[in-house]
Amino acid sequence: MATAASSSSFTMLHLASLISIFALTNARIPGVYTGGSWETAHATFYGGSDASGTMGNPSIFITATNFCPPNFALPSDNGGWCNPPRPHFDLAMPMFLKIAEYRAGIVPVSFRRVPCRKQGGIRFTINGFRYFNLVLITNVAGAGDIVKVSIKGTNTGWTSMSRNWGQNWQSNVVLVGQALSFRVKGSDKRTSTSWNVAPTNWQFGQTFTGKNFRY
């Protein structure tokens, strides 16, 4: 998974302080996402020590879902830590304390993309109405983010879907009463096709499970 884009694609990152980085060697297995190389960034913390309002428990494995908000009123090296193109992580305090002392404020870190390990298949939640299909795609293993989606009904060919926001993908093709298949492409260029995951009697609001990526 990678630093999250504004599209809110889910991204898993392995974050560590520069003083504790070890060289890693991964065999590149065809068809399996093995992660990316180490890159440098900085990290700060936000909120209180209880991490209220944040996701999950503190860990050096994080899931990034959006951009750290920039502050263009301040220079990038003095308060505008999240100003692009500067890579930066604004962490919950318990997470920050895993890699630095509270008084540090801002610390240099290294990070790398690592495989997302998910249980079960990719989930397709179908929302919308007859002339508008909005499909939310979740629980994606491997690279963790989707960059291209196609949908196919029993009586149609493959139709490309466009990104609405985040991992919500849309199509205006009328597919009610048809079994649905999905083909998704990850940012690592791997493709997964889930045939007839939604039966002919599917309803808007339902979620169906398809074939996931190996990791």
C-alpha atoms as a PDB file:
ATOM      1  CA  MET A   1       0.000   0.000   0.000  1.00  0.00           C
ATOM      2  CA  ALA A   2       1.427   3.624  -0.354  1.00  0.00           C
ATOM      3  CA  THR A   3       1.030   7.138   0.912  1.00  0.00           C
ATOM      4  CA  ALA A   4      -2.647   7.795   0.424  1.00  0.00           C
ATOM      5  CA  ALA A   5      -3.790   9.976  -2.422  1.00  0.00           C
ATOM      6  CA  SER A   6      -6.570  12.521  -2.197  1.00  0.00           C
ATOM      7  CA  SER A   7      -8.798   9.806  -3.614  1.00  0.00           C
ATOM      8  CA  SER A   8      -8.623   8.172  -0.159  1.00  0.00           C
ATOM      9  CA  SER A   9      -7.246   4.914  -1.449  1.00  0.00           C
ATOM     10  CA  PHE A  10      -6.286   2.688   1.463  1.00  0.00           C
ATOM     11  CA  THR A  11      -2.569   2.287   1.972  1.00  0.00           C
ATOM     12  CA  MET A  12      -0.551   0.162   4.384  1.00  0.00           C
ATOM     13  CA  LEU A  13       2.810   1.545   5.425  1.00  0.00           C
ATOM     14  CA  HIS A  14       5.632   0.247   7.560  1.00  0.00           C
ATOM     15  CA  LEU A  15       7.021   3.249   9.425  1.00  0.00           C
ATOM     16  CA  ALA A  16      10.226   3.318  11.456  1.00  0.00           C
ATOM     17  CA  SER A  17      12.632   5.879  12.853  1.00  0.00           C
ATOM     18  CA  LEU A  18      15.790   6.456  10.837  1.00  0.00           C
ATOM     19  CA  ILE A  19      17.968   5.248  13.681  1.00  0.00           C
ATOM     20  CA  SER A  20      16.360   1.827  13.623  1.00  0.00           C
ATOM     21  CA  ILE A  21      16.168   0.976   9.932  1.00  0.00           C
ATOM     22  CA  PHE A  22      17.507  -2.385   8.840  1.00  0.00           C
ATOM     23  CA  ALA A  23      18.199  -3.442   5.285  1.00  0.00           C
ATOM     24  CA  LEU A  24      15.550  -5.785   3.947  1.00  0.00           C
ATOM     25  CA  THR A  25      15.813  -8.165   1.036  1.00  0.00           C
ATOM     26  CA  ASN A  26      12.618  -9.485  -0.535  1.00  0.00           C
ATOM     27  CA  ALA A  27      12.383 -12.028  -3.317  1.00  0.00           C
ATOM     28  CA  ARG A  28      10.158 -10.742  -6.100  1.00  0.00           C
ATOM     29  CA  ILE A  29       7.635 -13.528  -6.522  1.00  0.00           C
ATOM     30  CA  PRO A  30       5.581 -13.191  -9.737  1.00  0.00           C
ATOM     31  CA  GLY A  31       1.942 -12.487  -8.944  1.00  0.00           C
ATOM     32  CA  VAL A  32       2.601 -11.544  -5.320  1.00  0.00           C
ATOM     33  CA  TYR A  33       2.910  -7.971  -4.057  1.00  0.00           C
ATOM     34  CA  THR A  34       6.102  -7.675  -2.013  1.00  0.00           C
ATOM     35  CA  GLY A  35       6.031  -3.982  -1.154  1.00  0.00           C
ATOM     36  CA  GLY A  36       8.196  -1.043  -2.089  1.00  0.00           C
ATOM     37  CA  SER A  37      11.586   0.385  -1.256  1.00  0.00           C
ATOM     38  CA  TRP A  38      12.357   2.534   1.776  1.00  0.00           C
ATOM     39  CA  GLU A  39      11.711   6.268   1.401  1.00  0.00           C
ATOM     40  CA  THR A  40      12.318   9.181   3.756  1.00  0.00           C
ATOM     41  CA  ALA A  41       9.777  11.510   5.343  1.00  0.00           C
ATOM     42  CA  HIS A  42       8.988  13.230   8.655  1.00  0.00           C
ATOM     43  CA  ALA A  43       6.362  12.571  11.306  1.00  0.00           C
ATOM     44  CA  THR A  44       4.491  14.615  13.919  1.00  0.00           C
ATOM     45  CA  PHE A  45       1.539  13.767  16.168  1.00  0.00           C
ATOM     46  CA  TYR A  46      -1.934  15.160  16.738  1.00  0.00           C
ATOM     47  CA  GLY A  47      -4.609  14.827  19.392  1.00  0.00           C
ATOM     48  CA  GLY A  48      -4.324  13.540  22.937  1.00  0.00           C
ATOM     49  CA  SER A  49      -2.631  10.541  24.446  1.00  0.00           C
ATOM     50  CA  ASP A  50      -5.809   8.438  24.242  1.00  0.00           C
ATOM     51  CA  ALA A  51      -5.887   8.684  20.407  1.00  0.00           C
ATOM     52  CA  SER A  52      -9.619   9.448  20.587  1.00  0.00           C
ATOM     53  CA  GLY A  53     -11.195   9.754  17.189  1.00  0.00           C
ATOM     54  CA  THR A  54      -8.440   7.830  15.424  1.00  0.00           C
ATOM     55  CA  MET A  55      -8.442   4.384  13.827  1.00  0.00           C
ATOM     56  CA  GLY A  56      -7.208   1.214  15.483  1.00  0.00           C
ATOM     57  CA  ASN A  57      -4.469   0.647  18.025  1.00  0.00           C
ATOM     58  CA  PRO A  58      -0.996   2.206  17.886  1.00  0.00           C
ATOM     59  CA  SER A  59       1.366   0.223  15.692  1.00  0.00           C
ATOM     60  CA  ILE A  60       4.301   0.770  13.378  1.00  0.00           C
ATOM     61  CA  PHE A  61       2.056  -0.546  10.610  1.00  0.00           C
ATOM     62  CA  ILE A  62      -0.356   2.170   9.524  1.00  0.00           C
ATOM     63  CA  THR A  63      -3.149   2.485   7.007  1.00  0.00           C
ATOM     64  CA  ALA A  64      -3.121   5.878   5.316  1.00  0.00           C
ATOM     65  CA  THR A  65      -6.429   7.019   3.853  1.00  0.00           C
ATOM     66  CA  ASN A  66      -5.869  10.638   2.839  1.00  0.00           C
ATOM     67  CA  PHE A  67      -3.389  13.475   2.590  1.00  0.00           C
ATOM     68  CA  CYS A  68      -1.924  15.126   5.640  1.00  0.00           C
ATOM     69  CA  PRO A  69      -3.560  18.615   5.334  1.00  0.00           C
ATOM     70  CA  PRO A  70      -1.149  21.308   4.075  1.00  0.00           C
ATOM     71  CA  ASN A  71      -0.678  24.740   5.656  1.00  0.00           C
ATOM     72  CA  PHE A  72       0.548  27.068   2.937  1.00  0.00           C
ATOM     73  CA  ALA A  73       0.687  29.997   5.373  1.00  0.00           C
ATOM     74  CA  LEU A  74       3.836  28.462   6.880  1.00  0.00           C
ATOM     75  CA  PRO A  75       7.078  27.348   5.216  1.00  0.00           C
ATOM     76  CA  SER A  76       7.522  23.627   4.597  1.00  0.00           C
ATOM     77  CA  ASP A  77      10.439  23.392   7.021  1.00  0.00           C
ATOM     78  CA  ASN A  78       8.825  25.391   9.827  1.00  0.00           C
ATOM     79  CA  GLY A  79       5.225  24.450  10.532  1.00  0.00           C
ATOM     80  CA  GLY A  80       3.955  23.637   7.053  1.00  0.00           C
ATOM     81  CA  TRP A  81       5.061  20.060   7.460  1.00  0.00           C
ATOM     82  CA  CYS A  82       2.392  18.657   5.169  1.00  0.00           C
ATOM     83  CA  ASN A  83       2.924  21.048   2.272  1.00  0.00           C
ATOM     84  CA  PRO A  84       3.396  19.057  -0.952  1.00  0.00           C
ATOM     85  CA  PRO A  85       5.549  17.589  -2.331  1.00  0.00           C
ATOM     86  CA  ARG A  86       6.970  16.958   1.146  1.00  0.00           C
ATOM     87  CA  PRO A  87       6.042  13.425   2.355  1.00  0.00           C
ATOM     88  CA  HIS A  88       4.796  13.607   5.943  1.00  0.00           C
ATOM     89  CA  PHE A  89       2.837  11.542   8.474  1.00  0.00           C
ATOM     90  CA  ASP A  90       0.671  13.184  11.136  1.00  0.00           C
ATOM     91  CA  LEU A  91       0.289  10.392  13.687  1.00  0.00           C
ATOM     92  CA  ALA A  92      -1.825   9.788  16.765  1.00  0.00           C
ATOM     93  CA  MET A  93       0.305  10.334  19.881  1.00  0.00           C
ATOM     94  CA  PRO A  94       0.437   6.630  20.912  1.00  0.00           C
ATOM     95  CA  MET A  95       1.767   5.819  17.436  1.00  0.00           C
ATOM     96  CA  PHE A  96       4.299   8.651  17.593  1.00  0.00           C
ATOM     97  CA  LEU A  97       5.580   7.482  20.978  1.00  0.00           C
ATOM     98  CA  LYS A  98       6.433   4.121  19.412  1.00  0.00           C
ATOM     99  CA  ILE A  99       9.159   5.772  17.361  1.00  0.00           C
ATOM    100  CA  ALA A 100      10.163   8.927  19.291  1.00  0.00           C
ATOM    101  CA  GLU A 101       9.909  10.789  22.583  1.00  0.00           C
ATOM    102  CA  TYR A 102       7.079  13.241  23.195  1.00  0.00           C
ATOM    103  CA  ARG A 103       9.423  16.258  23.306  1.00  0.00           C
ATOM    104  CA  ALA A 104      10.821  15.499  19.843  1.00  0.00           C
ATOM    105  CA  GLY A 105       7.909  17.212  18.095  1.00  0.00           C
ATOM    106  CA  ILE A 106       8.946  16.310  14.561  1.00  0.00           C
ATOM    107  CA  VAL A 107      11.260  13.441  13.667  1.00  0.00           C
ATOM    108  CA  PRO A 108      12.794  12.008  10.483  1.00  0.00           C
ATOM    109  CA  VAL A 109      11.410   8.591   9.543  1.00  0.00           C
ATOM    110  CA  SER A 110      11.687   6.037   6.788  1.00  0.00           C
ATOM    111  CA  PHE A 111       8.672   4.240   5.370  1.00  0.00           C
ATOM    112  CA  ARG A 112       7.871   1.641   2.775  1.00  0.00           C
ATOM    113  CA  ARG A 113       4.783   0.114   1.227  1.00  0.00           C
ATOM    114  CA  VAL A 114       4.007  -3.368   2.508  1.00  0.00           C
ATOM    115  CA  PRO A 115       1.403  -5.921   1.428  1.00  0.00           C
ATOM    116  CA  CYS A 116      -2.105  -5.505   2.818  1.00  0.00           C
ATOM    117  CA  ARG A 117      -3.090  -8.778   4.458  1.00  0.00           C
ATOM    118  CA  LYS A 118      -6.849  -9.213   4.285  1.00  0.00           C
ATOM    119  CA  GLN A 119      -9.201 -12.010   5.255  1.00  0.00           C
ATOM    120  CA  GLY A 120     -11.666 -13.103   2.596  1.00  0.00           C
ATOM    121  CA  GLY A 121     -12.264 -11.624  -0.820  1.00  0.00           C
ATOM    122  CA  ILE A 122     -12.608  -8.150  -2.274  1.00  0.00           C
ATOM    123  CA  ARG A 123     -15.959  -6.630  -1.282  1.00  0.00           C
ATOM    124  CA  PHE A 124     -18.209  -4.839  -3.755  1.00  0.00           C
ATOM    125  CA  THR A 125     -20.995  -2.733  -2.210  1.00  0.00           C
ATOM    126  CA  ILE A 126     -23.497  -1.633  -4.845  1.00  0.00           C
ATOM    127  CA  ASN A 127     -25.311   1.658  -4.245  1.00  0.00           C
ATOM    128  CA  GLY A 128     -27.231   4.052  -6.480  1.00  0.00           C
ATOM    129  CA  PHE A 129     -30.377   3.511  -8.535  1.00  0.00           C
ATOM    130  CA  ARG A 130     -31.437   2.072 -11.909  1.00  0.00           C
ATOM    131  CA  TYR A 131     -29.453   4.502 -14.085  1.00  0.00           C
ATOM    132  CA  PHE A 132     -26.553   5.090 -11.695  1.00  0.00           C
ATOM    133  CA  ASN A 133     -24.383   2.357 -10.195  1.00  0.00           C
ATOM    134  CA  LEU A 134     -21.975   3.429  -7.439  1.00  0.00           C
ATOM    135  CA  VAL A 135     -19.739   0.568  -6.302  1.00  0.00           C
ATOM    136  CA  LEU A 136     -17.596   0.835  -3.168  1.00  0.00           C
ATOM    137  CA  ILE A 137     -14.591  -1.517  -3.259  1.00  0.00           C
ATOM    138  CA  THR A 138     -13.048  -2.582   0.064  1.00  0.00           C
ATOM    139  CA  ASN A 139     -10.933  -5.304   1.702  1.00  0.00           C
ATOM    140  CA  VAL A 140      -8.326  -5.239  -1.067  1.00  0.00           C
ATOM    141  CA  ALA A 141      -5.245  -7.361  -0.380  1.00  0.00           C
ATOM    142  CA  GLY A 142      -1.782  -6.940  -1.854  1.00  0.00           C
ATOM    143  CA  ALA A 143      -1.083  -3.368  -2.962  1.00  0.00           C
ATOM    144  CA  GLY A 144      -4.330  -2.321  -1.279  1.00  0.00           C
ATOM    145  CA  ASP A 145      -5.478   0.312  -3.749  1.00  0.00           C
ATOM    146  CA  ILE A 146      -7.473   0.057  -6.971  1.00  0.00           C
ATOM    147  CA  VAL A 147      -6.709   2.207 -10.023  1.00  0.00           C
ATOM    148  CA  LYS A 148      -9.084   0.764 -12.628  1.00  0.00           C
ATOM    149  CA  VAL A 149     -12.466  -1.000 -12.494  1.00  0.00           C
ATOM    150  CA  SER A 150     -14.684  -2.599 -15.144  1.00  0.00           C
ATOM    151  CA  ILE A 151     -18.159  -4.061 -14.698  1.00  0.00           C
ATOM    152  CA  LYS A 152     -20.017  -6.629 -16.802  1.00  0.00           C
ATOM    153  CA  GLY A 153     -23.633  -7.673 -16.799  1.00  0.00           C
ATOM    154  CA  THR A 154     -25.036 -10.937 -18.124  1.00  0.00           C
ATOM    155  CA  ASN A 155     -26.179  -9.161 -21.296  1.00  0.00           C
ATOM    156  CA  THR A 156     -23.365  -6.612 -21.685  1.00  0.00           C
ATOM    157  CA  GLY A 157     -19.677  -6.528 -22.434  1.00  0.00           C
ATOM    158  CA  TRP A 158     -17.078  -5.094 -20.084  1.00  0.00           C
ATOM    159  CA  THR A 159     -17.739  -1.422 -19.281  1.00  0.00           C
ATOM    160  CA  SER A 160     -15.104   0.824 -17.700  1.00  0.00           C
ATOM    161  CA  MET A 161     -16.179   2.566 -14.503  1.00  0.00           C
ATOM    162  CA  SER A 162     -14.970   6.034 -13.489  1.00  0.00           C
ATOM    163  CA  ARG A 163     -13.774   7.015 -10.046  1.00  0.00           C
ATOM    164  CA  ASN A 164     -16.380   9.064  -8.182  1.00  0.00           C
ATOM    165  CA  TRP A 165     -14.386   9.575  -4.970  1.00  0.00           C
ATOM    166  CA  GLY A 166     -12.188   7.402  -2.808  1.00  0.00           C
ATOM    167  CA  GLN A 167     -12.771   3.807  -3.853  1.00  0.00           C
ATOM    168  CA  ASN A 168     -16.307   4.520  -5.082  1.00  0.00           C
ATOM    169  CA  TRP A 169     -16.588   3.774  -8.785  1.00  0.00           C
ATOM    170  CA  GLN A 170     -19.566   4.672 -10.980  1.00  0.00           C
ATOM    171  CA  SER A 171     -21.288   3.587 -14.175  1.00  0.00           C
ATOM    172  CA  ASN A 172     -24.507   4.770 -15.862  1.00  0.00           C
ATOM    173  CA  VAL A 173     -25.206   1.455 -17.604  1.00  0.00           C
ATOM    174  CA  VAL A 174     -28.543  -0.142 -16.654  1.00  0.00           C
ATOM    175  CA  LEU A 175     -27.624  -3.482 -15.075  1.00  0.00           C
ATOM    176  CA  VAL A 176     -30.687  -4.266 -12.961  1.00  0.00           C
ATOM    177  CA  GLY A 177     -31.768  -7.894 -13.392  1.00  0.00           C
ATOM    178  CA  GLN A 178     -28.365  -9.052 -14.619  1.00  0.00           C
ATOM    179  CA  ALA A 179     -25.673 -11.036 -12.831  1.00  0.00           C
ATOM    180  CA  LEU A 180     -22.625  -8.821 -12.323  1.00  0.00           C
ATOM    181  CA  SER A 181     -18.909  -9.472 -12.756  1.00  0.00           C
ATOM    182  CA  PHE A 182     -16.088  -7.106 -11.780  1.00  0.00           C
ATOM    183  CA  ARG A 183     -12.524  -6.699 -13.016  1.00  0.00           C
ATOM    184  CA  VAL A 184     -10.195  -4.571 -10.892  1.00  0.00           C
ATOM    185  CA  LYS A 185      -6.603  -3.453 -11.391  1.00  0.00           C
ATOM    186  CA  GLY A 186      -4.284  -2.613  -8.500  1.00  0.00           C
ATOM    187  CA  SER A 187      -1.595   0.047  -8.480  1.00  0.00           C
ATOM    188  CA  ASP A 188       0.952  -2.764  -8.898  1.00  0.00           C
ATOM    189  CA  LYS A 189      -0.668  -3.525 -12.296  1.00  0.00           C
ATOM    190  CA  ARG A 190      -2.106  -6.880 -11.209  1.00  0.00           C
ATOM    191  CA  THR A 191      -5.682  -7.663 -12.256  1.00  0.00           C
ATOM    192  CA  SER A 192      -8.362  -9.685 -10.473  1.00  0.00           C
ATOM    193  CA  THR A 193     -11.600 -10.770 -12.158  1.00  0.00           C
ATOM    194  CA  SER A 194     -14.620 -11.818 -10.086  1.00  0.00           C
ATOM    195  CA  TRP A 195     -17.178 -13.576 -12.266  1.00  0.00           C
ATOM    196  CA  ASN A 196     -20.921 -13.404 -11.508  1.00  0.00           C
ATOM    197  CA  VAL A 197     -20.409 -12.341  -7.881  1.00  0.00           C
ATOM    198  CA  ALA A 198     -23.810 -10.606  -7.799  1.00  0.00           C
ATOM    199  CA  PRO A 199     -26.777 -12.787  -8.837  1.00  0.00           C
ATOM    200  CA  THR A 200     -29.536 -11.578 -11.154  1.00  0.00           C
ATOM    201  CA  ASN A 201     -31.747 -10.599  -8.193  1.00  0.00           C
ATOM    202  CA  TRP A 202     -29.172  -8.309  -6.502  1.00  0.00           C
ATOM    203  CA  GLN A 203     -30.457  -5.168  -4.811  1.00  0.00           C
ATOM    204  CA  PHE A 204     -28.898  -1.747  -4.239  1.00  0.00           C
ATOM    205  CA  GLY A 205     -27.255  -1.580  -0.832  1.00  0.00           C
ATOM    206  CA  GLN A 206     -26.021  -5.172  -0.910  1.00  0.00           C
ATOM    207  CA  THR A 207     -22.380  -6.259  -0.632  1.00  0.00           C
ATOM    208  CA  PHE A 208     -20.855  -9.147  -2.558  1.00  0.00           C
ATOM    209  CA  THR A 209     -17.468 -10.833  -2.190  1.00  0.00           C
ATOM    210  CA  GLY A 210     -15.148 -11.595  -5.092  1.00  0.00           C
ATOM    211  CA  LYS A 211     -11.644 -12.861  -5.789  1.00  0.00           C
ATOM    212  CA  ASN A 212      -8.829 -11.138  -3.903  1.00  0.00           C
ATOM    213  CA  PHE A 213      -5.176 -10.590  -4.797  1.00  0.00           C
ATOM    214  CA  ARG A 214      -2.445 -12.831  -3.446  1.00  0.00           C
ATOM    215  CA  TYR A 215       0.025 -11.248  -1.032  1.00  0.00           C
END
